[in-house]
Amino acid sequence: MEENDRGTLYFNMSIGTLGLLIIAVGLFKYVETVGGDSSYTLLGFPLTMIYLNYLEGKAGISKKILWIKSIIAISLLIIIYIFLLN
């Protein structure tokens, strides 16, 4: 794969992760506001993240990069939850 293709792949991976973080913040806010039974929504989100990681692995991104991205995404999600929603 050419270097330019790698850059595009990493850029799209970052945008996808950012989108999932925004969806997660929306889910937290929805559960906080509406309450009730939201177990299906909260179950579907991690399944989507697992599938996205699978697809990124199939696209040729190394496991090391995937782990680093996952750790950063989880850390950002925790930070956003602590500072924005509490």
C-alpha atoms as a PDB file:
ATOM      1  CA  MET A   1       0.000   0.000   0.000  1.00  0.00           C
ATOM      2  CA  GLU A   2       1.333   3.434  -0.856  1.00  0.00           C
ATOM      3  CA  GLU A   3       2.104   5.980   1.832  1.00  0.00           C
ATOM      4  CA  ASN A   4      -0.672   8.275   0.583  1.00  0.00           C
ATOM      5  CA  ASP A   5      -3.194   5.445   0.894  1.00  0.00           C
ATOM      6  CA  ARG A   6      -2.017   4.783   4.455  1.00  0.00           C
ATOM      7  CA  GLY A   7      -2.540   8.429   5.384  1.00  0.00           C
ATOM      8  CA  THR A   8      -6.057   8.343   3.974  1.00  0.00           C
ATOM      9  CA  LEU A   9      -6.767   5.107   5.823  1.00  0.00           C
ATOM     10  CA  TYR A  10      -5.575   6.531   9.155  1.00  0.00           C
ATOM     11  CA  PHE A  11      -7.537   9.750   8.579  1.00  0.00           C
ATOM     12  CA  ASN A  12     -10.739   7.808   7.921  1.00  0.00           C
ATOM     13  CA  MET A  13     -10.046   5.632  10.963  1.00  0.00           C
ATOM     14  CA  SER A  14      -9.734   8.767  13.123  1.00  0.00           C
ATOM     15  CA  ILE A  15     -12.946  10.254  11.750  1.00  0.00           C
ATOM     16  CA  GLY A  16     -14.791   6.969  12.382  1.00  0.00           C
ATOM     17  CA  THR A  17     -13.547   6.820  15.961  1.00  0.00           C
ATOM     18  CA  LEU A  18     -14.514  10.440  16.550  1.00  0.00           C
ATOM     19  CA  GLY A  19     -17.986   9.689  15.200  1.00  0.00           C
ATOM     20  CA  LEU A  20     -18.381   6.774  17.592  1.00  0.00           C
ATOM     21  CA  LEU A  21     -17.308   8.982  20.505  1.00  0.00           C
ATOM     22  CA  ILE A  22     -19.920  11.569  19.555  1.00  0.00           C
ATOM     23  CA  ILE A  23     -22.567   8.833  19.351  1.00  0.00           C
ATOM     24  CA  ALA A  24     -21.501   7.581  22.794  1.00  0.00           C
ATOM     25  CA  VAL A  25     -21.839  11.056  24.309  1.00  0.00           C
ATOM     26  CA  GLY A  26     -25.299  11.306  22.750  1.00  0.00           C
ATOM     27  CA  LEU A  27     -26.229   7.913  24.209  1.00  0.00           C
ATOM     28  CA  PHE A  28     -25.069   8.941  27.671  1.00  0.00           C
ATOM     29  CA  LYS A  29     -27.055  12.162  27.441  1.00  0.00           C
ATOM     30  CA  TYR A  30     -30.128  10.286  26.179  1.00  0.00           C
ATOM     31  CA  VAL A  31     -29.987   7.758  29.015  1.00  0.00           C
ATOM     32  CA  GLU A  32     -29.502  10.585  31.501  1.00  0.00           C
ATOM     33  CA  THR A  33     -32.431  12.587  30.129  1.00  0.00           C
ATOM     34  CA  VAL A  34     -34.994   9.927  29.252  1.00  0.00           C
ATOM     35  CA  GLY A  35     -33.946   7.084  31.505  1.00  0.00           C
ATOM     36  CA  GLY A  36     -35.920   3.902  31.251  1.00  0.00           C
ATOM     37  CA  ASP A  37     -34.767   0.699  29.583  1.00  0.00           C
ATOM     38  CA  SER A  38     -31.866   1.545  27.313  1.00  0.00           C
ATOM     39  CA  SER A  39     -30.075  -1.793  27.520  1.00  0.00           C
ATOM     40  CA  TYR A  40     -30.473  -2.504  23.795  1.00  0.00           C
ATOM     41  CA  THR A  41     -28.895   0.799  22.862  1.00  0.00           C
ATOM     42  CA  LEU A  42     -26.054   0.382  25.312  1.00  0.00           C
ATOM     43  CA  LEU A  43     -25.483  -3.179  24.104  1.00  0.00           C
ATOM     44  CA  GLY A  44     -25.427  -2.199  20.434  1.00  0.00           C
ATOM     45  CA  PHE A  45     -22.709   0.418  20.845  1.00  0.00           C
ATOM     46  CA  PRO A  46     -19.897  -1.928  21.973  1.00  0.00           C
ATOM     47  CA  LEU A  47     -20.892  -4.408  19.276  1.00  0.00           C
ATOM     48  CA  THR A  48     -20.505  -1.654  16.689  1.00  0.00           C
ATOM     49  CA  MET A  49     -17.067  -0.780  18.067  1.00  0.00           C
ATOM     50  CA  ILE A  50     -15.976  -4.428  17.918  1.00  0.00           C
ATOM     51  CA  TYR A  51     -17.103  -4.710  14.308  1.00  0.00           C
ATOM     52  CA  LEU A  52     -15.342  -1.461  13.373  1.00  0.00           C
ATOM     53  CA  ASN A  53     -12.098  -2.765  14.866  1.00  0.00           C
ATOM     54  CA  TYR A  54     -12.535  -5.999  12.899  1.00  0.00           C
ATOM     55  CA  LEU A  55     -12.981  -4.067   9.655  1.00  0.00           C
ATOM     56  CA  GLU A  56      -9.968  -1.880  10.373  1.00  0.00           C
ATOM     57  CA  GLY A  57      -7.888  -5.003  10.957  1.00  0.00           C
ATOM     58  CA  LYS A  58      -9.057  -6.406   7.617  1.00  0.00           C
ATOM     59  CA  ALA A  59      -8.074  -3.100   5.973  1.00  0.00           C
ATOM     60  CA  GLY A  60      -4.458  -3.695   6.973  1.00  0.00           C
ATOM     61  CA  ILE A  61      -4.047  -1.613  10.099  1.00  0.00           C
ATOM     62  CA  SER A  62      -1.672  -3.239  12.561  1.00  0.00           C
ATOM     63  CA  LYS A  63      -2.895  -4.584  15.888  1.00  0.00           C
ATOM     64  CA  LYS A  64      -0.574  -2.181  17.707  1.00  0.00           C
ATOM     65  CA  ILE A  65      -2.243   0.831  16.078  1.00  0.00           C
ATOM     66  CA  LEU A  66      -5.696  -0.609  16.776  1.00  0.00           C
ATOM     67  CA  TRP A  67      -4.866  -1.091  20.471  1.00  0.00           C
ATOM     68  CA  ILE A  68      -3.466   2.436  20.739  1.00  0.00           C
ATOM     69  CA  LYS A  69      -6.578   3.862  19.040  1.00  0.00           C
ATOM     70  CA  SER A  70      -8.858   1.864  21.331  1.00  0.00           C
ATOM     71  CA  ILE A  71      -7.056   2.992  24.486  1.00  0.00           C
ATOM     72  CA  ILE A  72      -7.160   6.629  23.370  1.00  0.00           C
ATOM     73  CA  ALA A  73     -10.865   6.368  22.458  1.00  0.00           C
ATOM     74  CA  ILE A  74     -11.801   4.783  25.787  1.00  0.00           C
ATOM     75  CA  SER A  75      -9.750   7.370  27.689  1.00  0.00           C
ATOM     76  CA  LEU A  76     -11.417  10.219  25.795  1.00  0.00           C
ATOM     77  CA  LEU A  77     -14.832   8.720  26.426  1.00  0.00           C
ATOM     78  CA  ILE A  78     -14.151   8.529  30.169  1.00  0.00           C
ATOM     79  CA  ILE A  79     -12.824  12.103  30.230  1.00  0.00           C
ATOM     80  CA  ILE A  80     -15.823  13.408  28.276  1.00  0.00           C
ATOM     81  CA  TYR A  81     -18.210  11.534  30.558  1.00  0.00           C
ATOM     82  CA  ILE A  82     -16.571  12.878  33.718  1.00  0.00           C
ATOM     83  CA  PHE A  83     -16.283  16.527  32.651  1.00  0.00           C
ATOM     84  CA  LEU A  84     -19.335  17.069  30.465  1.00  0.00           C
ATOM     85  CA  LEU A  85     -22.004  14.846  31.916  1.00  0.00           C
ATOM     86  CA  ASN A  86     -21.405  15.121  35.657  1.00  0.00           C
END
